[in-house]
Protein backbone atom coordinates (compact mmCIF):
# COMPACT_ATOMS: atom_id res chain seq x y z
CA MET A 1 25.29 -6.06 3.07
CA TRP A 2 22.19 -5.42 0.99
CA PRO A 3 20.49 -8.78 1.88
CA LEU A 4 20.87 -7.93 5.57
CA ARG A 5 19.10 -4.61 5.07
CA ILE A 6 16.18 -6.37 3.43
CA LEU A 7 15.94 -8.88 6.29
CA ALA A 8 16.17 -6.16 8.92
CA HIS A 9 13.45 -4.16 7.16
CA ARG A 10 11.12 -7.12 7.15
CA LEU A 11 11.73 -7.88 10.82
CA PHE A 12 11.28 -4.33 12.07
CA GLU A 13 8.30 -3.47 9.93
CA ARG A 14 6.16 -5.88 11.98
CA ILE A 15 7.09 -4.19 15.24
CA ARG A 16 5.85 -0.66 14.54
CA PRO A 17 2.51 -0.16 16.29
CA GLY A 18 -0.22 1.73 14.47
CA GLU A 19 1.07 1.06 11.00
CA LEU A 20 -0.58 -1.30 8.56
CA ARG A 21 0.45 -2.82 5.26
CA LEU A 22 -1.87 -2.28 2.33
CA GLU A 23 -1.45 -4.23 -0.91
CA VAL A 24 -3.06 -2.93 -4.09
CA GLU A 25 -3.04 -4.44 -7.56
CA LEU A 26 -3.17 -2.01 -10.47
CA ARG A 27 -3.49 -2.56 -14.18
CA ALA A 28 -0.16 -2.98 -15.97
CA ASN A 29 1.86 0.23 -16.38
CA GLU A 30 -0.44 2.30 -14.15
CA SER A 31 1.18 4.83 -11.84
CA PRO A 32 0.79 4.44 -8.08
CA SER A 33 0.33 8.22 -7.81
CA VAL A 34 -3.45 7.77 -8.11
CA LEU A 35 -3.31 5.70 -4.90
CA LEU A 36 -1.21 8.25 -3.03
CA GLU A 37 -3.58 11.09 -3.91
CA SER A 38 -6.66 9.15 -2.83
CA LEU A 39 -5.10 7.96 0.44
CA GLU A 40 -3.80 11.36 1.42
CA THR A 41 -7.18 13.02 0.84
CA ARG A 42 -8.74 10.39 3.17
CA GLY A 43 -6.26 11.22 5.95
CA VAL A 44 -4.13 8.13 5.54
CA ALA A 45 -0.40 8.80 6.02
CA VAL A 46 1.75 6.84 3.56
CA ARG A 47 5.09 5.98 5.20
CA ALA A 48 6.62 3.98 2.33
CA PHE A 49 5.64 2.03 -0.73
CA GLU A 50 7.12 -0.56 -3.08
CA VAL A 51 6.15 -1.27 -6.66
CA GLU A 52 6.49 -4.68 -8.28
CA ASP A 53 5.70 -5.30 -11.93
CA ALA A 54 4.10 -8.59 -12.90
CA ARG A 55 3.21 -9.77 -16.37
CA ASP A 56 -0.32 -8.36 -16.54
CA ARG A 57 -0.53 -6.12 -13.47
CA ARG A 58 1.44 -3.92 -11.11
CA ARG A 59 1.51 -4.63 -7.36
CA VAL A 60 1.94 -1.81 -4.89
CA ALA A 61 2.68 -2.52 -1.22
CA LEU A 62 2.16 0.49 1.05
CA GLU A 63 3.04 1.03 4.69
CA VAL A 64 0.33 3.33 6.00
CA ARG A 65 -0.81 4.86 9.26
CA VAL A 66 -4.58 4.91 9.68
CA ASP A 67 -5.55 6.96 12.71
CA ASP A 68 -9.12 8.24 12.37
CA VAL A 69 -10.18 6.34 9.24
CA GLN A 70 -11.78 2.90 9.04
CA PRO A 71 -9.76 0.47 6.90
CA GLU A 72 -12.98 -0.66 5.21
CA ALA A 73 -13.65 2.88 4.03
CA VAL A 74 -10.15 3.07 2.57
CA THR A 75 -10.69 -0.24 0.75
CA ALA A 76 -14.01 0.95 -0.69
CA GLU A 77 -12.48 4.28 -1.82
CA LEU A 78 -9.56 2.58 -3.58
CA MET A 79 -11.81 0.03 -5.31
CA ARG A 80 -13.69 2.92 -6.94
CA LEU A 81 -10.56 3.97 -8.82
CA GLU A 82 -10.50 2.68 -12.39
CA PRO A 83 -6.93 1.32 -12.51
CA VAL A 84 -7.35 -0.64 -9.24
CA LEU A 85 -7.91 -4.40 -9.69
CA GLY A 86 -7.75 -5.44 -6.03
CA VAL A 87 -7.07 -4.24 -2.50
CA ARG A 88 -6.18 -6.19 0.65
CA TRP A 89 -4.79 -5.48 4.11
CA ALA A 90 -1.80 -7.64 5.05
CA ASN A 91 -0.56 -8.57 8.49
């Protein structure tokens, strides 16, 4: 049953209008809480996030709703944070 939930989640996440997927790479063992604080102060609503540990970094995929904020401003704000290695918006 679990594989079906994963597939359903991936199918339906593309349908939701107004929500974007943000992928951020952090240094290894860094907490994603620094991202959540920064996003929420900018007015970005975080709907969900997933954390994946790689060998030398930590990847965080966030489902966000950006209403009155430019995505470029969010990217610039996150890149100013010390533990952030990279930021990209996914389709």
